[in-house]
């Protein structure tokens, strides 16, 4: 691994030279038109190859309804020209919230979600001449649930328990509880369709409940141990949602590499967890594809344990450590993981993350990755917080403004950890700079 360096490149050539110096296979294309091309999924059109990845705003009401900041964020995302908007984690059950202000779609607020989808789509159509493809991310936060009186986890994990405030005295979730979640995902999917979403994401990344279940090697019973048991809940949810809502498109944002030592991490080499072993992830994605999952967003690890694996950055969260590698190596790892999954799913839409650190040069690398067949689309999360109209600028101006891009300072993550509401305090200081002072700096 190369020594960590902050982003400091003043030209495309400087960045290209660094990529070559590190001997990384990060492609580059001067033809940005590929990012403007549409892509068809089932009977629906995604207007271009640029997506906004889910980033929790934590600005809903306590009952889970969108508030003013939620509305403003998704209106801005839609106006910004991205072909696909992957809406943030929305809990399927009240006790599974990551925060008391997390979104929660239910019968009582269905009309509020429907109104926001309609309003944001109309604004996008008026400004850009097309409506974005909208995916709702459905989630149970598992061990990272913050509103339950008890810890909601599947097995004791020495690498994650402390991060989640779990002690040896806390008891794991029962199989009966996990059984009950299948219907919760079905109910949420039915409501998502009624609200106007094009697709639902059955979230299995970043060590939330379904992601954790994939690594439940140390759990007994029907949801732990052997591969068939560890994927059982995920597979059953997919099957039941497909049957109950056959006309909604299925997606998943999926960890394929946890970067946590075996037997507590999934997709890792048993002898060296720093190396991925994608044998099980590849087996799973093919099963999911056969069951009708059409869109795969590929991710890795747990931001609380190895944040540099999830999202390369210039500054760590709080007093965290600097990464043990150059951020370009982190970007390259995410690109390679996505490319490996794309090889398994030639007929499906596959894309991943790792682009925000590239700042104003991200479009040319994004275009190169699609051109080389390493992904079908590209997605950004933190960049969208900072620069919601990045896609429109790429389409209209064939470049990004250096004064608008995300600088990966991790302050949005610090604000999220402190309880939000969450946004970019550098590019959108009102109201996030004052919230940062109030909740983080104090």
Protein backbone atom coordinates (compact mmCIF):
# COMPACT_ATOMS: atom_id res chain seq x y z
CA UNK A 1 0.00 0.00 0.00
CA UNK A 2 1.14 3.52 -0.81
CA UNK A 3 1.37 6.34 1.70
CA UNK A 4 -1.78 8.36 2.35
CA UNK A 5 -2.05 11.70 0.56
CA UNK A 6 -4.82 14.26 0.42
CA UNK A 7 -6.31 15.19 -2.95
CA UNK A 8 -3.94 17.77 -4.42
CA UNK A 9 -4.13 17.42 -8.20
CA UNK A 10 -4.27 20.62 -10.22
CA UNK A 11 -4.74 18.99 -13.60
CA UNK A 12 -5.99 15.81 -15.21
CA UNK A 13 -2.44 14.85 -16.08
CA UNK A 14 -1.31 15.12 -12.46
CA UNK A 15 -4.04 12.70 -11.42
CA UNK A 16 -3.31 10.36 -14.34
CA UNK A 17 0.37 10.35 -13.42
CA UNK A 18 -0.44 9.41 -9.83
CA UNK A 19 -2.68 6.58 -11.00
CA UNK A 20 0.17 5.28 -13.17
CA UNK A 21 2.71 5.72 -10.37
CA UNK A 22 0.55 3.54 -8.10
CA UNK A 23 0.15 1.02 -10.93
CA UNK A 24 -3.64 1.12 -10.68
CA UNK A 25 -6.00 -0.01 -13.43
CA UNK A 26 -8.31 3.01 -13.26
CA UNK A 27 -9.59 3.76 -16.77
CA UNK A 28 -10.05 7.22 -18.26
CA UNK A 29 -12.16 8.41 -21.17
CA UNK A 30 -12.33 11.80 -22.84
CA UNK A 31 -15.81 11.05 -24.18
CA UNK A 32 -18.34 12.11 -21.55
CA UNK A 33 -21.26 11.45 -23.90
CA UNK A 34 -21.47 7.90 -22.55
CA UNK A 35 -22.70 9.38 -19.25
CA UNK A 36 -25.65 10.94 -21.08
CA UNK A 37 -26.93 7.69 -22.59
CA UNK A 38 -30.10 6.19 -21.21
CA UNK A 39 -30.44 2.62 -20.01
CA UNK A 40 -33.53 0.43 -19.97
CA UNK A 41 -34.58 -1.72 -17.02
CA UNK A 42 -37.65 -3.87 -17.61
CA UNK A 43 -40.11 -1.43 -19.25
CA UNK A 44 -38.67 1.74 -17.71
CA UNK A 45 -36.01 4.15 -18.91
CA UNK A 46 -33.25 5.54 -16.72
CA UNK A 47 -32.48 8.83 -18.51
CA UNK A 48 -28.69 8.78 -18.04
CA UNK A 49 -25.87 6.81 -16.40
CA UNK A 50 -25.46 9.04 -13.33
CA UNK A 51 -27.00 8.18 -9.98
CA UNK A 52 -27.31 9.65 -6.52
CA UNK A 53 -26.54 7.05 -3.88
CA UNK A 54 -28.52 6.90 -0.62
CA UNK A 55 -27.31 9.28 2.09
CA UNK A 56 -29.38 9.56 5.26
CA UNK A 57 -30.52 13.10 6.01
CA UNK A 58 -32.04 12.19 9.39
CA UNK A 59 -34.45 15.07 9.08
CA UNK A 60 -37.82 13.29 9.11
CA UNK A 61 -40.49 13.77 11.76
CA UNK A 62 -40.44 11.35 14.68
CA UNK A 63 -43.22 9.47 12.88
CA UNK A 64 -41.03 9.08 9.79
CA UNK A 65 -42.56 11.67 7.46
CA UNK A 66 -40.50 13.95 5.20
CA UNK A 67 -39.95 17.42 6.66
CA UNK A 68 -38.88 20.69 5.02
CA UNK A 69 -35.19 19.74 4.73
CA UNK A 70 -36.12 16.31 3.33
CA UNK A 71 -38.27 17.93 0.69
CA UNK A 72 -35.60 20.48 -0.17
CA UNK A 73 -32.95 17.76 -0.57
CA UNK A 74 -34.96 15.57 -2.94
CA UNK A 75 -36.26 18.52 -4.94
CA UNK A 76 -32.63 19.61 -5.42
CA UNK A 77 -31.52 16.07 -6.28
CA UNK A 78 -34.24 15.80 -8.90
CA UNK A 79 -33.53 19.24 -10.38
CA UNK A 80 -29.86 18.28 -10.54
CA UNK A 81 -30.28 16.02 -13.55
CA UNK A 82 -29.24 12.60 -12.25
CA UNK A 83 -30.95 9.78 -14.09
CA UNK A 84 -31.43 7.70 -10.94
CA UNK A 85 -32.08 8.78 -7.36
CA UNK A 86 -31.56 6.08 -4.77
CA UNK A 87 -33.55 7.37 -1.80
CA UNK A 88 -32.01 7.07 1.63
CA UNK A 89 -32.51 4.22 4.11
CA UNK A 90 -36.15 4.02 5.13
CA UNK A 91 -36.93 1.72 8.02
CA UNK A 92 -39.37 -1.17 7.61
CA UNK A 93 -40.23 -1.26 11.30
CA UNK A 94 -40.20 1.42 14.04
CA UNK A 95 -37.71 -0.37 16.31
CA UNK A 96 -35.29 -0.79 13.40
CA UNK A 97 -34.55 2.93 13.01
CA UNK A 98 -30.97 4.12 12.94
CA UNK A 99 -32.13 7.43 14.37
CA UNK A 100 -35.42 8.77 15.71
CA UNK A 101 -35.60 11.05 12.67
CA UNK A 102 -35.09 8.35 10.04
CA UNK A 103 -37.69 8.04 7.28
CA UNK A 104 -40.45 5.46 7.84
CA UNK A 105 -43.03 4.94 5.09
CA UNK A 106 -46.36 3.76 6.49
CA UNK A 107 -50.09 4.01 5.83
CA UNK A 108 -50.36 7.23 7.83
CA UNK A 109 -47.83 9.19 5.76
CA UNK A 110 -48.19 7.54 2.35
CA UNK A 111 -49.69 10.70 0.84
CA UNK A 112 -46.73 12.78 2.03
CA UNK A 113 -44.27 10.47 0.29
CA UNK A 114 -46.47 10.43 -2.81
CA UNK A 115 -46.57 14.24 -2.88
CA UNK A 116 -42.78 14.48 -2.61
CA UNK A 117 -42.27 12.00 -5.46
CA UNK A 118 -44.75 13.90 -7.62
CA UNK A 119 -43.32 17.32 -6.82
CA UNK A 120 -39.69 16.34 -7.31
CA UNK A 121 -40.45 14.51 -10.56
CA UNK A 122 -42.38 17.48 -11.91
CA UNK A 123 -39.56 19.89 -11.07
CA UNK A 124 -37.07 17.58 -12.79
CA UNK A 125 -39.23 17.25 -15.91
CA UNK A 126 -39.72 21.01 -16.16
CA UNK A 127 -36.01 21.76 -15.79
CA UNK A 128 -34.35 18.82 -17.55
CA UNK A 129 -37.00 17.37 -19.84
CA UNK A 130 -37.06 14.02 -18.02
CA UNK A 131 -37.98 12.48 -14.68
CA UNK A 132 -35.46 10.51 -12.63
CA UNK A 133 -35.84 6.81 -11.86
CA UNK A 134 -36.58 6.57 -8.12
CA UNK A 135 -35.52 3.68 -5.85
CA UNK A 136 -36.58 3.51 -2.20
CA UNK A 137 -34.03 1.85 0.08
CA UNK A 138 -35.73 -0.42 2.65
CA UNK A 139 -33.73 -1.26 5.74
CA UNK A 140 -33.61 -2.59 9.26
CA UNK A 141 -30.62 -1.12 11.10
CA UNK A 142 -30.04 -4.23 13.20
CA UNK A 143 -27.22 -3.74 15.70
CA UNK A 144 -27.11 -0.06 14.76
CA UNK A 145 -30.76 0.61 15.63
CA UNK A 146 -30.89 3.58 17.99
CA UNK A 147 -34.49 3.72 19.23
CA UNK A 148 -35.09 0.26 20.71
CA UNK A 149 -34.78 -0.55 24.41
CA UNK A 150 -32.81 -3.67 23.47
CA UNK A 151 -29.94 -4.37 21.11
CA UNK A 152 -31.13 -5.88 17.82
CA UNK A 153 -28.26 -8.04 16.58
CA UNK A 154 -27.75 -11.54 15.19
CA UNK A 155 -24.51 -12.70 16.81
CA UNK A 156 -21.76 -11.42 19.07
CA UNK A 157 -18.96 -9.84 17.08
CA UNK A 158 -15.82 -8.56 18.83
CA UNK A 159 -15.21 -6.08 16.00
CA UNK A 160 -18.69 -4.55 15.96
CA UNK A 161 -20.21 -5.05 19.42
CA UNK A 162 -18.34 -2.18 21.05
CA UNK A 163 -19.15 0.17 18.18
CA UNK A 164 -22.83 -0.63 18.68
CA UNK A 165 -22.79 -0.52 22.48
CA UNK A 166 -23.47 -4.27 22.76
CA UNK A 167 -22.26 -6.19 25.82
CA UNK A 168 -21.91 -9.89 26.62
CA UNK A 169 -25.17 -9.67 28.57
CA UNK A 170 -27.22 -8.63 25.53
CA UNK A 171 -29.18 -11.39 23.82
CA UNK A 172 -29.31 -12.02 20.08
CA UNK A 173 -32.49 -11.70 18.03
CA UNK A 174 -34.64 -14.81 17.84
CA UNK A 175 -35.46 -16.68 14.64
CA UNK A 176 -39.12 -15.81 15.26
CA UNK A 177 -38.31 -12.11 15.18
CA UNK A 178 -36.39 -12.51 11.94
CA UNK A 179 -39.28 -14.51 10.48
CA UNK A 180 -41.60 -11.58 11.22
CA UNK A 181 -39.48 -9.14 9.21
CA UNK A 182 -40.34 -10.73 5.86
CA UNK A 183 -43.86 -9.34 5.96
CA UNK A 184 -42.54 -5.92 7.03
CA UNK A 185 -40.48 -5.67 3.84
CA UNK A 186 -43.49 -6.80 1.82
CA UNK A 187 -45.74 -4.15 3.40
CA UNK A 188 -43.14 -1.43 2.81
CA UNK A 189 -42.74 -2.49 -0.84
CA UNK A 190 -46.48 -2.33 -1.44
CA UNK A 191 -46.53 1.19 -0.01
CA UNK A 192 -43.48 2.19 -2.06
CA UNK A 193 -45.31 1.21 -5.22
CA UNK A 194 -48.39 3.19 -4.17
CA UNK A 195 -46.19 6.21 -3.42
CA UNK A 196 -44.79 6.16 -6.95
CA UNK A 197 -41.34 4.65 -6.57
CA UNK A 198 -40.04 2.73 -9.57
CA UNK A 199 -38.07 0.23 -7.50
CA UNK A 200 -37.28 -0.91 -3.98
CA UNK A 201 -33.84 -1.74 -2.64
CA UNK A 202 -33.60 -4.58 -0.14
CA UNK A 203 -30.56 -3.13 1.62
CA UNK A 204 -27.76 -5.52 2.59
CA UNK A 205 -24.71 -3.33 3.08
CA UNK A 206 -22.60 -1.64 5.77
CA UNK A 207 -23.40 -4.28 8.38
CA UNK A 208 -27.01 -3.37 8.93
CA UNK A 209 -29.27 -6.35 9.64
CA UNK A 210 -29.35 -8.17 6.30
CA UNK A 211 -25.68 -7.38 5.69
CA UNK A 212 -24.77 -8.70 9.13
CA UNK A 213 -26.79 -11.85 8.47
CA UNK A 214 -24.54 -12.72 5.52
CA UNK A 215 -21.65 -13.01 7.99
CA UNK A 216 -23.55 -14.97 10.66
CA UNK A 217 -21.08 -17.88 10.63
CA UNK A 218 -21.20 -18.00 14.45
CA UNK A 219 -25.00 -18.03 14.75
CA UNK A 220 -26.93 -21.24 15.41
CA UNK A 221 -30.28 -22.10 13.85
CA UNK A 222 -31.80 -21.59 10.45
CA UNK A 223 -30.31 -18.10 9.94
CA UNK A 224 -26.69 -18.91 10.72
CA UNK A 225 -23.76 -21.18 9.95
CA UNK A 226 -23.88 -22.57 6.43
CA UNK A 227 -24.28 -20.34 3.37
CA UNK A 228 -27.85 -21.48 2.71
CA UNK A 229 -28.87 -20.36 6.19
CA UNK A 230 -27.05 -17.01 6.12
CA UNK A 231 -28.78 -15.96 2.88
CA UNK A 232 -32.16 -17.46 3.80
CA UNK A 233 -33.81 -14.29 5.14
CA UNK A 234 -32.56 -12.13 2.27
CA UNK A 235 -33.75 -14.64 -0.33
CA UNK A 236 -37.14 -15.07 1.35
CA UNK A 237 -37.72 -11.31 1.40
CA UNK A 238 -36.87 -11.04 -2.29
CA UNK A 239 -39.24 -13.90 -3.17
CA UNK A 240 -42.13 -12.54 -1.12
CA UNK A 241 -41.74 -8.97 -2.37
CA UNK A 242 -41.58 -10.21 -5.97
CA UNK A 243 -44.78 -12.19 -5.47
CA UNK A 244 -46.67 -9.43 -3.64
CA UNK A 245 -45.58 -6.53 -5.90
CA UNK A 246 -44.70 -8.10 -9.26
CA UNK A 247 -44.69 -4.75 -11.09
CA UNK A 248 -42.11 -3.02 -8.90
CA UNK A 249 -38.46 -3.38 -9.91
CA UNK A 250 -36.14 -5.01 -7.40
CA UNK A 251 -32.73 -3.64 -6.46
CA UNK A 252 -30.14 -4.18 -3.76
CA UNK A 253 -27.26 -2.17 -2.35
CA UNK A 254 -24.96 -4.97 -1.34
CA UNK A 255 -21.74 -5.44 0.59
CA UNK A 256 -19.54 -7.94 -1.20
CA UNK A 257 -16.50 -7.45 1.07
CA UNK A 258 -16.69 -6.66 4.79
CA UNK A 259 -12.94 -6.20 5.49
CA UNK A 260 -13.53 -7.77 8.94
CA UNK A 261 -11.66 -10.94 9.97
CA UNK A 262 -13.34 -14.29 9.38
CA UNK A 263 -15.55 -15.72 10.90
CA UNK A 264 -17.09 -12.30 11.56
CA UNK A 265 -16.72 -10.82 8.09
CA UNK A 266 -18.29 -11.80 4.76
CA UNK A 267 -16.54 -11.88 1.41
CA UNK A 268 -13.11 -12.05 3.04
CA UNK A 269 -10.17 -14.39 2.64
CA UNK A 270 -10.21 -16.68 5.68
CA UNK A 271 -6.47 -16.35 6.19
CA UNK A 272 -6.12 -12.65 5.42
CA UNK A 273 -9.19 -10.42 5.77
CA UNK A 274 -7.39 -7.64 3.89
CA UNK A 275 -8.03 -9.67 0.75
CA UNK A 276 -11.52 -10.17 -0.68
CA UNK A 277 -12.88 -13.63 -1.40
CA UNK A 278 -15.88 -13.11 -3.65
CA UNK A 279 -16.90 -16.75 -4.05
CA UNK A 280 -19.99 -16.42 -1.85
CA UNK A 281 -20.92 -12.89 -3.00
CA UNK A 282 -20.77 -14.03 -6.63
CA UNK A 283 -22.94 -17.04 -5.83
CA UNK A 284 -25.47 -14.80 -4.07
CA UNK A 285 -25.75 -12.16 -6.80
CA UNK A 286 -26.47 -14.84 -9.39
CA UNK A 287 -29.21 -16.27 -7.16
CA UNK A 288 -30.68 -12.80 -6.68
CA UNK A 289 -30.56 -12.13 -10.41
CA UNK A 290 -32.39 -15.40 -11.09
CA UNK A 291 -35.06 -14.31 -8.60
CA UNK A 292 -35.62 -11.06 -10.49
CA UNK A 293 -33.31 -8.47 -8.92
CA UNK A 294 -32.45 -6.05 -11.74
CA UNK A 295 -30.19 -3.40 -10.19
CA UNK A 296 -27.12 -3.98 -8.02
CA UNK A 297 -25.21 -1.23 -6.23
CA UNK A 298 -21.96 -2.65 -4.88
CA UNK A 299 -20.34 -1.52 -1.63
CA UNK A 300 -18.03 -2.80 1.10
CA UNK A 301 -17.26 -2.87 4.83
CA UNK A 302 -18.68 -0.92 7.77
CA UNK A 303 -18.05 2.84 8.03
CA UNK A 304 -17.71 2.52 11.80
CA UNK A 305 -14.90 -0.06 11.51
CA UNK A 306 -13.10 0.64 8.23
CA UNK A 307 -14.43 3.93 6.81
CA UNK A 308 -11.62 4.19 4.25
CA UNK A 309 -12.86 0.94 2.65
CA UNK A 310 -16.41 2.31 2.32
CA UNK A 311 -15.55 5.82 1.20
CA UNK A 312 -12.03 7.14 0.53
CA UNK A 313 -11.56 10.55 2.14
CA UNK A 314 -9.20 13.45 2.78
CA UNK A 315 -10.03 13.87 6.47
CA UNK A 316 -11.26 11.19 8.89
CA UNK A 317 -14.36 11.47 11.04
CA UNK A 318 -13.53 13.34 14.25
CA UNK A 319 -10.26 12.16 15.73
CA UNK A 320 -10.14 9.04 13.59
CA UNK A 321 -7.01 7.68 12.02
CA UNK A 322 -5.81 8.50 8.54
CA UNK A 323 -6.18 5.53 6.16
CA UNK A 324 -3.28 3.07 5.86
CA UNK A 325 -3.34 3.51 2.09
CA UNK A 326 -3.55 6.11 -0.64
CA UNK A 327 -7.20 7.03 -1.28
CA UNK A 328 -6.77 6.14 -4.96
CA UNK A 329 -6.13 2.56 -3.83
CA UNK A 330 -9.44 2.69 -1.98
CA UNK A 331 -11.24 4.03 -5.05
CA UNK A 332 -9.63 1.33 -7.18
CA UNK A 333 -10.71 -1.42 -4.76
CA UNK A 334 -14.34 -0.33 -5.01
CA UNK A 335 -14.11 -0.10 -8.80
CA UNK A 336 -12.58 -3.60 -8.98
CA UNK A 337 -15.18 -5.15 -6.66
CA UNK A 338 -17.93 -3.70 -8.82
CA UNK A 339 -16.25 -4.90 -12.01
CA UNK A 340 -15.98 -8.44 -10.62
CA UNK A 341 -19.70 -8.51 -9.88
CA UNK A 342 -20.51 -7.02 -13.28
CA UNK A 343 -18.75 -9.99 -14.93
CA UNK A 344 -21.23 -12.29 -13.17
CA UNK A 345 -24.26 -10.21 -14.19
CA UNK A 346 -23.89 -9.18 -17.84
CA UNK A 347 -27.63 -8.66 -18.30
CA UNK A 348 -28.24 -6.66 -15.12
CA UNK A 349 -27.50 -3.06 -14.14
CA UNK A 350 -24.46 -2.94 -11.86
CA UNK A 351 -22.67 0.06 -10.41
CA UNK A 352 -20.76 1.09 -7.33
CA UNK A 353 -19.18 3.96 -5.46
CA UNK A 354 -15.80 5.51 -4.70
CA UNK A 355 -16.11 8.52 -7.00
CA UNK A 356 -16.53 11.50 -4.66
CA UNK A 357 -12.84 11.61 -3.66
CA UNK A 358 -11.94 12.23 -7.31
CA UNK A 359 -13.55 15.67 -7.08
CA UNK A 360 -13.73 17.58 -10.40
CA UNK A 361 -12.06 14.75 -12.34
CA UNK A 362 -14.64 12.11 -11.50
CA UNK A 363 -16.59 12.39 -14.82
CA UNK A 364 -13.68 11.20 -16.99
CA UNK A 365 -12.96 8.20 -14.78
CA UNK A 366 -16.69 7.42 -14.55
CA UNK A 367 -16.91 7.50 -18.34
CA UNK A 368 -13.83 5.26 -18.62
CA UNK A 369 -15.30 2.68 -16.23
CA UNK A 370 -18.55 2.47 -18.19
CA UNK A 371 -16.69 2.42 -21.50
CA UNK A 372 -14.59 -0.53 -20.30
CA UNK A 373 -17.69 -2.44 -19.17
CA UNK A 374 -16.68 -2.36 -15.50
CA UNK A 375 -20.08 -0.90 -14.57
CA UNK A 376 -23.28 0.24 -16.24
CA UNK A 377 -23.74 3.43 -14.22
CA UNK A 378 -21.89 5.48 -11.62
CA UNK A 379 -23.19 6.72 -8.29
CA UNK A 380 -22.14 9.38 -5.79
CA UNK A 381 -23.34 10.04 -2.25
CA UNK A 382 -21.30 12.74 -0.51
CA UNK A 383 -20.81 14.53 -3.83
CA UNK A 384 -24.60 14.82 -4.12
CA UNK A 385 -24.85 16.41 -0.67
CA UNK A 386 -22.33 19.02 -1.76
CA UNK A 387 -23.24 19.35 -5.43
CA UNK A 388 -26.77 18.10 -6.20
CA UNK A 389 -26.65 19.41 -9.78
CA UNK A 390 -23.39 17.68 -10.68
CA UNK A 391 -25.12 15.62 -13.40
CA UNK A 392 -26.62 18.68 -15.09
CA UNK A 393 -23.23 20.39 -15.17
CA UNK A 394 -21.64 17.31 -16.74
CA UNK A 395 -24.42 17.13 -19.34
CA UNK A 396 -24.56 20.86 -20.10
CA UNK A 397 -20.96 21.96 -19.54
CA UNK A 398 -18.95 18.72 -19.89
CA UNK A 399 -17.17 19.44 -16.61
CA UNK A 400 -17.64 20.02 -12.89
CA UNK A 401 -16.98 23.22 -11.00
CA UNK A 402 -14.04 22.91 -8.62
CA UNK A 403 -15.79 25.36 -6.28
CA UNK A 404 -18.79 23.02 -5.89
CA UNK A 405 -17.33 19.53 -5.54
CA UNK A 406 -17.21 17.49 -2.35
CA UNK A 407 -13.84 17.76 -0.62
CA UNK A 408 -14.38 14.55 1.44
CA UNK A 409 -13.79 16.35 4.73
CA UNK A 410 -16.10 13.86 6.56
CA UNK A 411 -18.04 16.63 8.29
CA UNK A 412 -21.34 15.36 6.86
CA UNK A 413 -20.55 11.99 8.50
CA UNK A 414 -19.70 13.69 11.79
CA UNK A 415 -23.03 15.49 11.66
CA UNK A 416 -24.85 12.22 10.93
CA UNK A 417 -23.13 10.45 13.83
CA UNK A 418 -24.15 13.35 16.09
CA UNK A 419 -27.79 12.81 15.10
CA UNK A 420 -28.21 15.08 12.11
CA UNK A 421 -29.97 16.65 10.26
CA UNK A 422 -27.25 15.89 7.78
CA UNK A 423 -25.86 17.76 4.80
CA UNK A 424 -22.77 19.48 3.44
CA UNK A 425 -21.57 22.20 5.78
CA UNK A 426 -18.99 23.46 3.25
CA UNK A 427 -21.11 23.90 0.11
CA UNK A 428 -24.52 24.26 1.78
CA UNK A 429 -23.77 26.10 5.03
CA UNK A 430 -27.39 27.09 5.62
CA UNK A 431 -28.48 25.38 7.86
CA UNK A 432 -25.78 22.70 8.15
CA UNK A 433 -22.85 24.84 9.36
CA UNK A 434 -24.81 26.07 12.37
CA UNK A 435 -26.08 22.53 13.04
CA UNK A 436 -22.50 21.29 12.94
CA UNK A 437 -21.47 23.89 15.50
CA UNK A 438 -24.44 22.98 17.68
CA UNK A 439 -24.19 19.18 17.52
CA UNK A 440 -20.51 18.43 16.84
CA UNK A 441 -18.37 21.35 17.97
CA UNK A 442 -20.62 22.40 20.88
